[in-house]
Amino acid sequence: MRILLMCICCLPLVSQAGIISNGSFEQNDVRYGGWSFFASEDVVGWQGHNIEIWDNLFNIQAAHGQQFIELNAHCSGKGKKACQPGNYHIYQDFITEAGAKYRFGLDYRARTNKPEAFTVSIQDSSGSEVFEQVIDDHDASSWRHFSGDFVASDSLSRIRFDSMVNGSLGNLIDNVYVEVIPLSGFSAAAFSVSEPVTIVLFIFALALLIVTRKPKQS
């Protein structure tokens, strides 16, 4: 019974568990007001081209946490931070369950007033796309949010961002997440953070404890 009660009380916490690692790009500490670029292998969770991390550079505050990235990252030299062929892109693989439904999202913003655009895609383990969207309605004065749903086709999925503009300027990204949609027809966000649900579960667990408590023997 105690195990059951512990599981009930912990349900709200489990439902909030993140699937994406380092989705707000906080693991590599960058000085306030500055920026730095890293080989993707040196940034927790991410792969692909270089990753340029900002911390309040040009007085642009992060959408979540303290830091965010510029997808069109800086590159230089001949080492692991050298420029690479092809469009700027980064990606992260994550564990999924075939047939389960997921919601993903991110915040994005333009660096300049010039046109900026990138694609966000969800791929299965073979590289086939199960979702793709071009994002080209950037605003240089504020963050915007995008989210979408997908059904996983196997046990490993990938979220990927590909720049559609040349040069090392543009496409600011922050707060990347993926979460399970627990029940069909329910909002994943509302289910995972809903305070009333937490309260109801707590009351239910307390009632079970009172009902099942054995009376003391005289």
N, C-alpha and C. Protein backbone atom coordinates (compact mmCIF):
# COMPACT_ATOMS: atom_id res chain seq x y z
N MET A 1 0.83 -1.21 0.00
CA MET A 1 0.00 0.00 0.00
C MET A 1 0.86 1.26 0.00
N ARG A 2 1.96 1.23 0.77
CA ARG A 2 2.84 2.40 0.81
C ARG A 2 3.44 2.68 -0.56
N ILE A 3 3.80 1.59 -1.25
CA ILE A 3 4.36 1.77 -2.60
C ILE A 3 3.33 2.40 -3.52
N LEU A 4 2.07 1.95 -3.43
CA LEU A 4 1.00 2.52 -4.25
C LEU A 4 0.83 4.00 -3.97
N LEU A 5 0.84 4.37 -2.69
CA LEU A 5 0.67 5.78 -2.33
C LEU A 5 1.82 6.62 -2.85
N MET A 6 3.04 6.08 -2.76
CA MET A 6 4.20 6.82 -3.26
C MET A 6 4.08 7.03 -4.76
N CYS A 7 3.62 6.02 -5.48
CA CYS A 7 3.46 6.15 -6.94
C CYS A 7 2.43 7.20 -7.28
N ILE A 8 1.31 7.22 -6.53
CA ILE A 8 0.26 8.19 -6.80
C ILE A 8 0.77 9.60 -6.57
N CYS A 9 1.48 9.81 -5.47
CA CYS A 9 1.98 11.14 -5.14
C CYS A 9 3.03 11.62 -6.14
N CYS A 10 3.73 10.68 -6.75
CA CYS A 10 4.80 11.06 -7.66
C CYS A 10 4.35 11.19 -9.10
N LEU A 11 3.10 10.85 -9.40
CA LEU A 11 2.62 10.93 -10.79
C LEU A 11 2.84 12.28 -11.43
N PRO A 12 2.51 13.41 -10.76
CA PRO A 12 2.73 14.69 -11.40
C PRO A 12 4.19 14.93 -11.73
N LEU A 13 5.11 14.41 -10.89
CA LEU A 13 6.52 14.61 -11.14
C LEU A 13 6.97 13.79 -12.33
N VAL A 14 6.49 12.56 -12.43
CA VAL A 14 6.87 11.70 -13.55
C VAL A 14 6.40 12.29 -14.86
N SER A 15 5.18 12.84 -14.87
CA SER A 15 4.62 13.35 -16.11
C SER A 15 5.37 14.57 -16.62
N GLN A 16 6.16 15.22 -15.76
CA GLN A 16 6.89 16.41 -16.17
C GLN A 16 8.31 16.08 -16.64
N ALA A 17 8.71 14.81 -16.52
CA ALA A 17 10.09 14.45 -16.84
C ALA A 17 10.42 14.82 -18.27
N GLY A 18 11.58 15.46 -18.49
CA GLY A 18 11.99 15.89 -19.82
C GLY A 18 12.61 14.75 -20.60
N ILE A 19 12.41 14.76 -21.91
CA ILE A 19 12.99 13.76 -22.79
C ILE A 19 14.24 14.30 -23.47
N ILE A 20 14.24 15.59 -23.77
CA ILE A 20 15.39 16.24 -24.40
C ILE A 20 16.41 16.64 -23.34
N SER A 21 17.67 16.45 -23.65
CA SER A 21 18.76 16.84 -22.75
C SER A 21 19.30 18.21 -23.15
N ASN A 22 19.45 19.11 -22.18
CA ASN A 22 20.07 20.41 -22.42
C ASN A 22 19.31 21.21 -23.48
N GLY A 23 17.99 21.20 -23.38
CA GLY A 23 17.17 21.88 -24.38
C GLY A 23 17.23 23.39 -24.31
N SER A 24 17.73 23.94 -23.20
CA SER A 24 17.89 25.40 -23.09
C SER A 24 19.35 25.81 -23.16
N PHE A 25 20.23 24.87 -23.47
CA PHE A 25 21.64 25.15 -23.75
C PHE A 25 22.35 25.83 -22.57
N GLU A 26 22.09 25.32 -21.37
CA GLU A 26 22.66 25.92 -20.17
C GLU A 26 23.93 25.22 -19.70
N GLN A 27 24.25 24.05 -20.23
CA GLN A 27 25.35 23.25 -19.67
C GLN A 27 26.73 23.86 -19.92
N ASN A 28 26.93 24.54 -21.03
CA ASN A 28 28.20 25.22 -21.31
C ASN A 28 28.07 26.66 -20.84
N ASP A 29 28.70 26.99 -19.75
CA ASP A 29 28.53 28.31 -19.16
C ASP A 29 29.23 29.39 -19.99
N VAL A 30 28.47 30.39 -20.39
CA VAL A 30 28.99 31.53 -21.15
C VAL A 30 28.81 32.77 -20.29
N ARG A 31 29.80 33.66 -20.30
CA ARG A 31 29.73 34.85 -19.45
C ARG A 31 28.54 35.72 -19.85
N TYR A 32 27.96 36.38 -18.85
CA TYR A 32 26.81 37.26 -19.08
C TYR A 32 27.20 38.38 -20.05
N GLY A 33 26.37 38.61 -21.05
CA GLY A 33 26.64 39.64 -22.04
C GLY A 33 27.56 39.18 -23.16
N GLY A 34 27.92 37.89 -23.16
CA GLY A 34 28.87 37.40 -24.15
C GLY A 34 28.35 36.24 -24.97
N TRP A 35 29.25 35.64 -25.72
CA TRP A 35 28.91 34.49 -26.54
C TRP A 35 30.15 33.63 -26.70
N SER A 36 29.95 32.40 -27.09
CA SER A 36 31.06 31.50 -27.39
C SER A 36 30.54 30.40 -28.30
N PHE A 37 31.44 29.82 -29.09
CA PHE A 37 31.01 28.74 -29.97
C PHE A 37 31.79 27.47 -29.64
N PHE A 38 31.10 26.35 -29.80
CA PHE A 38 31.64 25.05 -29.41
C PHE A 38 31.42 24.04 -30.52
N ALA A 39 32.32 23.07 -30.60
CA ALA A 39 32.03 21.90 -31.43
C ALA A 39 30.84 21.18 -30.79
N SER A 40 29.95 20.66 -31.61
CA SER A 40 28.73 20.05 -31.05
C SER A 40 29.05 18.90 -30.10
N GLU A 41 30.17 18.23 -30.32
CA GLU A 41 30.53 17.12 -29.44
C GLU A 41 30.85 17.59 -28.02
N ASP A 42 31.07 18.89 -27.86
CA ASP A 42 31.35 19.45 -26.54
C ASP A 42 30.12 20.07 -25.88
N VAL A 43 28.97 19.91 -26.50
CA VAL A 43 27.71 20.44 -25.94
C VAL A 43 26.82 19.25 -25.60
N VAL A 44 26.46 19.14 -24.34
CA VAL A 44 25.68 17.99 -23.86
C VAL A 44 24.40 17.81 -24.67
N GLY A 45 24.20 16.61 -25.18
CA GLY A 45 22.95 16.24 -25.84
C GLY A 45 22.90 16.46 -27.33
N TRP A 46 23.74 17.34 -27.87
CA TRP A 46 23.58 17.77 -29.25
C TRP A 46 24.70 17.28 -30.16
N GLN A 47 24.36 17.16 -31.46
CA GLN A 47 25.32 16.77 -32.49
C GLN A 47 25.08 17.64 -33.72
N GLY A 48 26.03 17.56 -34.67
CA GLY A 48 25.88 18.32 -35.91
C GLY A 48 26.98 19.34 -36.07
N HIS A 49 26.63 20.51 -36.59
CA HIS A 49 27.58 21.59 -36.78
C HIS A 49 27.91 22.25 -35.44
N ASN A 50 28.77 23.28 -35.51
CA ASN A 50 29.10 24.02 -34.29
C ASN A 50 27.84 24.59 -33.64
N ILE A 51 27.95 24.86 -32.35
CA ILE A 51 26.84 25.44 -31.61
C ILE A 51 27.32 26.73 -30.96
N GLU A 52 26.69 27.83 -31.33
CA GLU A 52 27.05 29.16 -30.81
C GLU A 52 26.05 29.55 -29.72
N ILE A 53 26.56 29.72 -28.51
CA ILE A 53 25.72 29.99 -27.35
C ILE A 53 25.85 31.44 -26.91
N TRP A 54 24.71 32.06 -26.67
CA TRP A 54 24.66 33.46 -26.21
C TRP A 54 24.13 33.52 -24.78
N ASP A 55 24.60 34.54 -24.06
CA ASP A 55 24.04 34.85 -22.74
C ASP A 55 23.81 36.36 -22.67
N ASN A 56 22.59 36.75 -23.00
CA ASN A 56 22.19 38.17 -22.95
C ASN A 56 23.03 39.04 -23.89
N LEU A 57 23.57 38.47 -24.94
CA LEU A 57 24.31 39.26 -25.92
C LEU A 57 23.36 40.24 -26.61
N PHE A 58 23.82 41.47 -26.81
CA PHE A 58 23.00 42.54 -27.39
C PHE A 58 21.72 42.77 -26.59
N ASN A 59 21.78 42.45 -25.29
CA ASN A 59 20.63 42.61 -24.39
C ASN A 59 19.43 41.75 -24.78
N ILE A 60 19.67 40.69 -25.51
CA ILE A 60 18.60 39.75 -25.84
C ILE A 60 18.53 38.70 -24.73
N GLN A 61 17.43 38.67 -24.01
CA GLN A 61 17.27 37.72 -22.92
C GLN A 61 16.76 36.38 -23.45
N ALA A 62 17.20 35.33 -22.82
CA ALA A 62 16.76 33.99 -23.21
C ALA A 62 15.26 33.82 -22.99
N ALA A 63 14.65 32.98 -23.80
CA ALA A 63 13.23 32.66 -23.59
C ALA A 63 13.05 31.79 -22.37
N HIS A 64 14.07 30.98 -22.07
CA HIS A 64 14.02 30.07 -20.92
C HIS A 64 15.43 29.94 -20.36
N GLY A 65 15.58 30.07 -19.07
CA GLY A 65 16.90 30.00 -18.47
C GLY A 65 17.70 31.25 -18.76
N GLN A 66 19.01 31.09 -18.96
CA GLN A 66 19.91 32.22 -19.17
C GLN A 66 20.53 32.25 -20.56
N GLN A 67 20.55 31.12 -21.26
CA GLN A 67 21.29 31.03 -22.51
C GLN A 67 20.42 30.49 -23.65
N PHE A 68 20.87 30.74 -24.87
CA PHE A 68 20.20 30.23 -26.07
C PHE A 68 21.25 30.13 -27.16
N ILE A 69 20.86 29.66 -28.34
CA ILE A 69 21.85 29.49 -29.41
C ILE A 69 21.48 30.28 -30.66
N GLU A 70 22.49 30.49 -31.47
CA GLU A 70 22.29 30.96 -32.84
C GLU A 70 22.59 29.77 -33.75
N LEU A 71 21.59 29.31 -34.48
CA LEU A 71 21.75 28.13 -35.32
C LEU A 71 22.85 28.32 -36.36
N ASN A 72 22.88 29.49 -36.98
CA ASN A 72 23.93 29.79 -37.95
C ASN A 72 25.21 30.16 -37.18
N ALA A 73 25.87 29.14 -36.69
CA ALA A 73 26.96 29.33 -35.73
C ALA A 73 28.27 29.74 -36.38
N HIS A 74 29.10 30.39 -35.57
CA HIS A 74 30.44 30.78 -36.00
C HIS A 74 31.30 29.52 -36.14
N CYS A 75 32.29 29.60 -37.02
CA CYS A 75 33.24 28.50 -37.19
C CYS A 75 34.58 29.08 -37.62
N SER A 76 35.66 28.37 -37.31
CA SER A 76 36.99 28.86 -37.69
C SER A 76 38.02 27.76 -37.51
N GLY A 77 39.20 27.97 -38.12
CA GLY A 77 40.31 27.05 -37.94
C GLY A 77 40.19 25.75 -38.70
N LYS A 78 41.05 24.81 -38.32
CA LYS A 78 41.08 23.51 -39.00
C LYS A 78 40.74 22.36 -38.06
N GLY A 79 40.47 22.66 -36.80
CA GLY A 79 40.17 21.61 -35.84
C GLY A 79 38.71 21.23 -35.85
N LYS A 80 38.24 20.77 -34.70
CA LYS A 80 36.86 20.30 -34.62
C LYS A 80 35.84 21.42 -34.70
N LYS A 81 36.29 22.69 -34.56
CA LYS A 81 35.38 23.82 -34.70
C LYS A 81 35.50 24.49 -36.07
N ALA A 82 36.11 23.79 -37.01
CA ALA A 82 36.25 24.31 -38.37
C ALA A 82 34.90 24.34 -39.07
N CYS A 83 34.82 25.16 -40.12
CA CYS A 83 33.58 25.23 -40.90
C CYS A 83 33.34 23.89 -41.60
N GLN A 84 32.09 23.50 -41.68
CA GLN A 84 31.72 22.22 -42.29
C GLN A 84 30.83 22.47 -43.51
N PRO A 85 30.86 21.55 -44.47
CA PRO A 85 30.02 21.73 -45.67
C PRO A 85 28.54 21.55 -45.35
N GLY A 86 27.71 22.09 -46.23
CA GLY A 86 26.27 21.93 -46.07
C GLY A 86 25.65 23.00 -45.20
N ASN A 87 24.32 22.99 -45.14
CA ASN A 87 23.61 23.97 -44.32
C ASN A 87 23.89 23.73 -42.84
N TYR A 88 23.84 24.82 -42.07
CA TYR A 88 24.00 24.70 -40.62
C TYR A 88 22.89 23.81 -40.08
N HIS A 89 23.26 22.84 -39.27
CA HIS A 89 22.23 21.99 -38.67
C HIS A 89 22.74 21.39 -37.36
N ILE A 90 21.83 21.15 -36.45
CA ILE A 90 22.12 20.41 -35.23
C ILE A 90 20.96 19.45 -34.98
N TYR A 91 21.20 18.43 -34.19
CA TYR A 91 20.14 17.47 -33.91
C TYR A 91 20.40 16.77 -32.58
N GLN A 92 19.35 16.12 -32.08
CA GLN A 92 19.47 15.30 -30.87
C GLN A 92 18.59 14.06 -31.01
N ASP A 93 19.16 12.92 -30.69
CA ASP A 93 18.41 11.66 -30.68
C ASP A 93 17.81 11.43 -29.29
N PHE A 94 16.63 10.83 -29.25
CA PHE A 94 16.00 10.56 -27.97
C PHE A 94 15.16 9.29 -28.06
N ILE A 95 14.97 8.66 -26.91
CA ILE A 95 14.24 7.40 -26.83
C ILE A 95 12.74 7.64 -26.94
N THR A 96 12.08 6.83 -27.76
CA THR A 96 10.62 6.90 -27.90
C THR A 96 10.04 5.49 -27.86
N GLU A 97 8.73 5.44 -27.82
CA GLU A 97 8.02 4.16 -27.86
C GLU A 97 7.16 4.14 -29.12
N ALA A 98 7.35 3.15 -29.95
CA ALA A 98 6.59 3.07 -31.21
C ALA A 98 5.09 3.11 -30.94
N GLY A 99 4.40 3.99 -31.66
CA GLY A 99 2.96 4.12 -31.51
C GLY A 99 2.54 5.15 -30.49
N ALA A 100 3.47 5.61 -29.65
CA ALA A 100 3.14 6.63 -28.65
C ALA A 100 3.13 8.01 -29.29
N LYS A 101 2.31 8.90 -28.74
CA LYS A 101 2.19 10.25 -29.27
C LYS A 101 2.99 11.23 -28.42
N TYR A 102 3.69 12.13 -29.10
CA TYR A 102 4.56 13.09 -28.43
C TYR A 102 4.27 14.50 -28.91
N ARG A 103 4.60 15.45 -28.07
CA ARG A 103 4.55 16.86 -28.43
C ARG A 103 5.95 17.45 -28.27
N PHE A 104 6.38 18.23 -29.26
CA PHE A 104 7.66 18.91 -29.17
C PHE A 104 7.45 20.40 -29.36
N GLY A 105 8.42 21.18 -28.97
CA GLY A 105 8.30 22.62 -29.14
C GLY A 105 9.63 23.32 -28.98
N LEU A 106 9.64 24.60 -29.30
CA LEU A 106 10.83 25.43 -29.19
C LEU A 106 10.42 26.89 -29.26
N ASP A 107 11.30 27.76 -28.81
CA ASP A 107 11.15 29.20 -29.00
C ASP A 107 12.18 29.65 -30.01
N TYR A 108 11.84 30.62 -30.84
CA TYR A 108 12.74 31.09 -31.88
C TYR A 108 12.60 32.60 -32.06
N ARG A 109 13.64 33.18 -32.64
CA ARG A 109 13.68 34.63 -32.79
C ARG A 109 14.68 34.99 -33.88
N ALA A 110 14.48 36.12 -34.53
CA ALA A 110 15.43 36.59 -35.54
C ALA A 110 16.54 37.39 -34.88
N ARG A 111 17.72 37.30 -35.45
CA ARG A 111 18.82 38.14 -34.97
C ARG A 111 18.78 39.51 -35.63
N THR A 112 18.43 39.54 -36.90
CA THR A 112 18.41 40.80 -37.66
C THR A 112 17.02 40.99 -38.28
N ASN A 113 16.87 42.07 -39.00
CA ASN A 113 15.61 42.33 -39.69
C ASN A 113 15.59 41.71 -41.09
N LYS A 114 16.67 41.05 -41.47
CA LYS A 114 16.71 40.35 -42.75
C LYS A 114 15.97 39.02 -42.62
N PRO A 115 15.49 38.47 -43.76
CA PRO A 115 14.76 37.19 -43.69
C PRO A 115 15.61 36.08 -43.08
N GLU A 116 15.02 35.36 -42.14
CA GLU A 116 15.68 34.21 -41.53
C GLU A 116 14.70 33.04 -41.56
N ALA A 117 15.22 31.84 -41.72
CA ALA A 117 14.34 30.67 -41.80
C ALA A 117 15.12 29.40 -41.49
N PHE A 118 14.42 28.42 -40.95
CA PHE A 118 15.01 27.10 -40.72
C PHE A 118 13.89 26.07 -40.74
N THR A 119 14.27 24.82 -40.87
CA THR A 119 13.28 23.74 -40.77
C THR A 119 13.49 23.00 -39.45
N VAL A 120 12.40 22.59 -38.85
CA VAL A 120 12.46 21.68 -37.71
C VAL A 120 11.82 20.38 -38.16
N SER A 121 12.49 19.28 -37.91
CA SER A 121 11.96 17.99 -38.35
C SER A 121 12.12 16.94 -37.25
N ILE A 122 11.23 15.97 -37.28
CA ILE A 122 11.33 14.78 -36.44
C ILE A 122 11.58 13.60 -37.36
N GLN A 123 12.61 12.83 -37.07
CA GLN A 123 12.97 11.70 -37.92
C GLN A 123 12.99 10.41 -37.10
N ASP A 124 12.77 9.29 -37.79
CA ASP A 124 12.91 8.00 -37.11
C ASP A 124 14.35 7.52 -37.21
N SER A 125 14.64 6.33 -36.72
CA SER A 125 16.02 5.85 -36.66
C SER A 125 16.63 5.61 -38.03
N SER A 126 15.81 5.50 -39.07
CA SER A 126 16.33 5.30 -40.43
C SER A 126 16.56 6.63 -41.15
N GLY A 127 16.19 7.74 -40.50
CA GLY A 127 16.34 9.05 -41.12
C GLY A 127 15.11 9.52 -41.86
N SER A 128 14.07 8.71 -41.89
CA SER A 128 12.82 9.11 -42.55
C SER A 128 12.09 10.13 -41.69
N GLU A 129 11.52 11.13 -42.33
CA GLU A 129 10.85 12.20 -41.59
C GLU A 129 9.42 11.81 -41.24
N VAL A 130 9.06 12.02 -40.00
CA VAL A 130 7.68 11.82 -39.57
C VAL A 130 6.99 13.17 -39.35
N PHE A 131 7.81 14.25 -39.36
CA PHE A 131 7.27 15.61 -39.23
C PHE A 131 8.32 16.57 -39.77
N GLU A 132 7.86 17.59 -40.49
CA GLU A 132 8.77 18.65 -40.93
C GLU A 132 7.99 19.95 -41.09
N GLN A 133 8.59 21.04 -40.67
CA GLN A 133 7.95 22.35 -40.77
C GLN A 133 9.00 23.41 -41.04
N VAL A 134 8.73 24.25 -42.03
CA VAL A 134 9.57 25.43 -42.29
C VAL A 134 9.11 26.55 -41.37
N ILE A 135 10.03 27.17 -40.67
CA ILE A 135 9.71 28.29 -39.79
C ILE A 135 10.40 29.53 -40.35
N ASP A 136 9.61 30.48 -40.80
CA ASP A 136 10.16 31.66 -41.46
C ASP A 136 9.45 32.95 -41.06
N ASP A 137 8.75 32.93 -39.93
CA ASP A 137 8.03 34.14 -39.50
C ASP A 137 8.71 34.77 -38.28
N HIS A 138 10.05 34.78 -38.30
CA HIS A 138 10.83 35.30 -37.19
C HIS A 138 10.51 36.77 -36.90
N ASP A 139 10.71 37.14 -35.65
CA ASP A 139 10.57 38.52 -35.21
C ASP A 139 11.85 38.88 -34.46
N ALA A 140 12.47 40.00 -34.83
CA ALA A 140 13.72 40.41 -34.19
C ALA A 140 13.50 41.06 -32.83
N SER A 141 12.26 41.37 -32.49
CA SER A 141 12.00 42.09 -31.24
C SER A 141 11.47 41.20 -30.12
N SER A 142 11.07 39.96 -30.44
CA SER A 142 10.52 39.09 -29.39
C SER A 142 10.62 37.63 -29.81
N TRP A 143 10.53 36.76 -28.81
CA TRP A 143 10.53 35.33 -29.06
C TRP A 143 9.15 34.86 -29.51
N ARG A 144 9.13 33.88 -30.39
CA ARG A 144 7.90 33.20 -30.78
C ARG A 144 8.02 31.73 -30.42
N HIS A 145 6.86 31.08 -30.32
CA HIS A 145 6.85 29.67 -29.92
C HIS A 145 6.23 28.82 -31.02
N PHE A 146 6.81 27.64 -31.22
CA PHE A 146 6.24 26.68 -32.15
C PHE A 146 6.16 25.32 -31.46
N SER A 147 5.07 24.60 -31.69
CA SER A 147 4.96 23.24 -31.17
C SER A 147 4.22 22.37 -32.17
N GLY A 148 4.44 21.09 -32.09
CA GLY A 148 3.77 20.15 -32.98
C GLY A 148 3.69 18.78 -32.34
N ASP A 149 2.83 17.93 -32.86
CA ASP A 149 2.64 16.57 -32.35
C ASP A 149 3.11 15.56 -33.39
N PHE A 150 3.57 14.42 -32.92
CA PHE A 150 3.93 13.33 -33.84
C PHE A 150 3.75 12.00 -33.13
N VAL A 151 3.59 10.96 -33.93
CA VAL A 151 3.51 9.59 -33.42
C VAL A 151 4.82 8.89 -33.75
N ALA A 152 5.50 8.40 -32.74
CA ALA A 152 6.79 7.73 -32.96
C ALA A 152 6.59 6.43 -33.72
N SER A 153 7.49 6.17 -34.66
CA SER A 153 7.38 4.95 -35.46
C SER A 153 8.32 3.84 -34.97
N ASP A 154 9.28 4.18 -34.13
CA ASP A 154 10.14 3.15 -33.54
C ASP A 154 10.71 3.64 -32.21
N SER A 155 11.75 2.98 -31.73
CA SER A 155 12.25 3.23 -30.38
C SER A 155 13.26 4.36 -30.29
N LEU A 156 13.65 4.94 -31.41
CA LEU A 156 14.61 6.05 -31.41
C LEU A 156 14.15 7.10 -32.40
N SER A 157 14.07 8.34 -31.94
CA SER A 157 13.66 9.45 -32.81
C SER A 157 14.70 10.55 -32.73
N ARG A 158 14.61 11.49 -33.65
CA ARG A 158 15.57 12.60 -33.72
C ARG A 158 14.83 13.90 -33.98
N ILE A 159 15.21 14.94 -33.25
CA ILE A 159 14.74 16.29 -33.56
C ILE A 159 15.91 17.02 -34.20
N ARG A 160 15.64 17.70 -35.32
CA ARG A 160 16.72 18.29 -36.11
C ARG A 160 16.32 19.68 -36.58
N PHE A 161 17.30 20.58 -36.58
CA PHE A 161 17.12 21.95 -37.07
C PHE A 161 18.09 22.20 -38.21
N ASP A 162 17.58 22.64 -39.36
CA ASP A 162 18.41 22.95 -40.53
C ASP A 162 18.17 24.39 -40.95
N SER A 163 19.24 25.18 -41.00
CA SER A 163 19.11 26.56 -41.44
C SER A 163 18.81 26.62 -42.94
N MET A 164 18.02 27.61 -43.34
CA MET A 164 17.72 27.81 -44.76
C MET A 164 18.34 29.09 -45.28
N VAL A 165 19.22 29.70 -44.48
CA VAL A 165 19.91 30.92 -44.91
C VAL A 165 21.40 30.71 -44.78
N ASN A 166 22.17 31.38 -45.62
CA ASN A 166 23.62 31.27 -45.61
C ASN A 166 24.24 32.26 -44.63
N GLY A 167 25.51 32.06 -44.34
CA GLY A 167 26.22 32.97 -43.45
C GLY A 167 26.05 32.61 -42.00
N SER A 168 26.92 33.18 -41.16
CA SER A 168 26.93 32.83 -39.74
C SER A 168 26.11 33.81 -38.90
N LEU A 169 24.98 34.26 -39.44
CA LEU A 169 24.08 35.14 -38.70
C LEU A 169 22.65 34.62 -38.84
N GLY A 170 21.96 34.47 -37.72
CA GLY A 170 20.53 34.21 -37.81
C GLY A 170 20.04 32.97 -37.09
N ASN A 171 18.72 32.94 -36.88
CA ASN A 171 18.00 31.81 -36.31
C ASN A 171 18.38 31.53 -34.85
N LEU A 172 17.89 32.38 -33.95
CA LEU A 172 18.09 32.17 -32.52
C LEU A 172 17.06 31.14 -32.03
N ILE A 173 17.50 30.18 -31.23
CA ILE A 173 16.64 29.08 -30.78
C ILE A 173 16.85 28.84 -29.29
N ASP A 174 15.76 28.53 -28.58
CA ASP A 174 15.83 28.25 -27.15
C ASP A 174 14.69 27.32 -26.74
N ASN A 175 14.81 26.75 -25.55
CA ASN A 175 13.71 26.02 -24.91
C ASN A 175 13.17 24.89 -25.79
N VAL A 176 14.06 24.02 -26.25
CA VAL A 176 13.65 22.87 -27.06
C VAL A 176 13.19 21.75 -26.13
N TYR A 177 12.03 21.18 -26.39
CA TYR A 177 11.53 20.12 -25.52
C TYR A 177 10.74 19.09 -26.31
N VAL A 178 10.66 17.89 -25.76
CA VAL A 178 9.78 16.83 -26.26
C VAL A 178 9.14 16.20 -25.04
N GLU A 179 7.84 15.94 -25.11
CA GLU A 179 7.15 15.33 -23.98
C GLU A 179 6.08 14.37 -24.49
N VAL A 180 5.77 13.40 -23.66
CA VAL A 180 4.74 12.42 -23.99
C VAL A 180 3.37 13.05 -23.82
N ILE A 181 2.46 12.77 -24.74
CA ILE A 181 1.05 13.14 -24.55
C ILE A 181 0.40 11.95 -23.87
N PRO A 182 0.08 12.05 -22.58
CA PRO A 182 -0.33 10.88 -21.80
C PRO A 182 -1.58 10.18 -22.30
N LEU A 183 -2.66 10.94 -22.57
CA LEU A 183 -3.92 10.35 -22.97
C LEU A 183 -4.47 11.08 -24.18
N SER A 184 -5.08 10.36 -25.09
CA SER A 184 -5.66 10.97 -26.28
C SER A 184 -6.72 11.99 -25.88
N GLY A 185 -6.59 13.18 -26.46
CA GLY A 185 -7.57 14.22 -26.17
C GLY A 185 -7.20 15.13 -25.03
N PHE A 186 -6.11 14.82 -24.31
CA PHE A 186 -5.67 15.67 -23.21
C PHE A 186 -4.49 16.52 -23.66
N SER A 187 -4.42 17.74 -23.15
CA SER A 187 -3.27 18.59 -23.42
C SER A 187 -2.10 18.12 -22.59
N ALA A 188 -0.96 17.84 -23.25
CA ALA A 188 0.20 17.37 -22.50
C ALA A 188 0.67 18.42 -21.51
N ALA A 189 0.68 19.68 -21.93
CA ALA A 189 1.16 20.74 -21.05
C ALA A 189 0.27 20.87 -19.83
N ALA A 190 -1.06 20.86 -20.06
CA ALA A 190 -1.99 21.02 -18.95
C ALA A 190 -1.92 19.83 -18.01
N PHE A 191 -1.75 18.64 -18.56
CA PHE A 191 -1.70 17.44 -17.72
C PHE A 191 -0.43 17.42 -16.89
N SER A 192 0.68 17.86 -17.46
CA SER A 192 1.95 17.71 -16.77
C SER A 192 2.16 18.74 -15.68
N VAL A 193 1.54 19.90 -15.78
CA VAL A 193 1.82 20.95 -14.79
C VAL A 193 0.57 21.39 -14.05
N SER A 194 -0.55 20.74 -14.29
CA SER A 194 -1.80 21.19 -13.69
C SER A 194 -1.77 21.06 -12.17
N GLU A 195 -1.90 22.16 -11.48
CA GLU A 195 -1.89 22.17 -10.02
C GLU A 195 -3.12 21.47 -9.44
N PRO A 196 -4.34 21.68 -9.98
CA PRO A 196 -5.50 20.97 -9.44
C PRO A 196 -5.35 19.46 -9.48
N VAL A 197 -4.75 18.94 -10.55
CA VAL A 197 -4.55 17.49 -10.64
C VAL A 197 -3.66 17.01 -9.50
N THR A 198 -2.61 17.77 -9.22
CA THR A 198 -1.71 17.42 -8.13
C THR A 198 -2.44 17.39 -6.80
N ILE A 199 -3.29 18.38 -6.56
CA ILE A 199 -4.04 18.46 -5.31
C ILE A 199 -5.00 17.28 -5.17
N VAL A 200 -5.72 16.96 -6.25
CA VAL A 200 -6.67 15.84 -6.21
C VAL A 200 -5.95 14.54 -5.90
N LEU A 201 -4.81 14.31 -6.54
CA LEU A 201 -4.06 13.09 -6.29
C LEU A 201 -3.58 13.01 -4.84
N PHE A 202 -3.17 14.14 -4.30
CA PHE A 202 -2.71 14.17 -2.91
C PHE A 202 -3.85 13.83 -1.95
N ILE A 203 -5.02 14.42 -2.20
CA ILE A 203 -6.19 14.16 -1.34
C ILE A 203 -6.59 12.69 -1.43
N PHE A 204 -6.56 12.15 -2.65
CA PHE A 204 -6.91 10.75 -2.85
C PHE A 204 -5.95 9.83 -2.09
N ALA A 205 -4.65 10.15 -2.16
CA ALA A 205 -3.65 9.34 -1.46
C ALA A 205 -3.85 9.43 0.04
N LEU A 206 -4.17 10.63 0.54
CA LEU A 206 -4.40 10.82 1.97
C LEU A 206 -5.62 10.02 2.44
N ALA A 207 -6.68 10.03 1.62
CA ALA A 207 -7.89 9.28 1.96
C ALA A 207 -7.60 7.79 2.03
N LEU A 208 -6.81 7.29 1.08
CA LEU A 208 -6.45 5.88 1.09
C LEU A 208 -5.67 5.52 2.34
N LEU A 209 -4.79 6.42 2.76
CA LEU A 209 -3.99 6.18 3.95
C LEU A 209 -4.87 6.07 5.19
N ILE A 210 -5.88 6.95 5.29
CA ILE A 210 -6.77 6.95 6.45
C ILE A 210 -7.64 5.69 6.47
N VAL A 211 -8.18 5.33 5.30
CA VAL A 211 -9.08 4.18 5.21
C VAL A 211 -8.37 2.87 5.52
N THR A 212 -7.13 2.76 5.03
CA THR A 212 -6.41 1.48 5.15
C THR A 212 -5.59 1.37 6.42
N ARG A 213 -5.54 2.43 7.20
CA ARG A 213 -4.73 2.39 8.41
C ARG A 213 -5.36 1.45 9.44
N LYS A 214 -4.60 0.53 9.95
CA LYS A 214 -5.12 -0.44 10.91
C LYS A 214 -5.27 0.20 12.29
N PRO A 215 -6.38 -0.10 13.00
CA PRO A 215 -6.53 0.44 14.36
C PRO A 215 -5.57 -0.24 15.32
N LYS A 216 -5.13 0.53 16.29
CA LYS A 216 -4.21 -0.03 17.28
C LYS A 216 -4.91 -1.07 18.14
N GLN A 217 -4.20 -2.14 18.46
CA GLN A 217 -4.77 -3.18 19.33
C GLN A 217 -4.65 -2.76 20.78
N SER A 218 -5.73 -2.93 21.57
CA SER A 218 -5.71 -2.54 22.98
C SER A 218 -5.07 -3.66 23.81
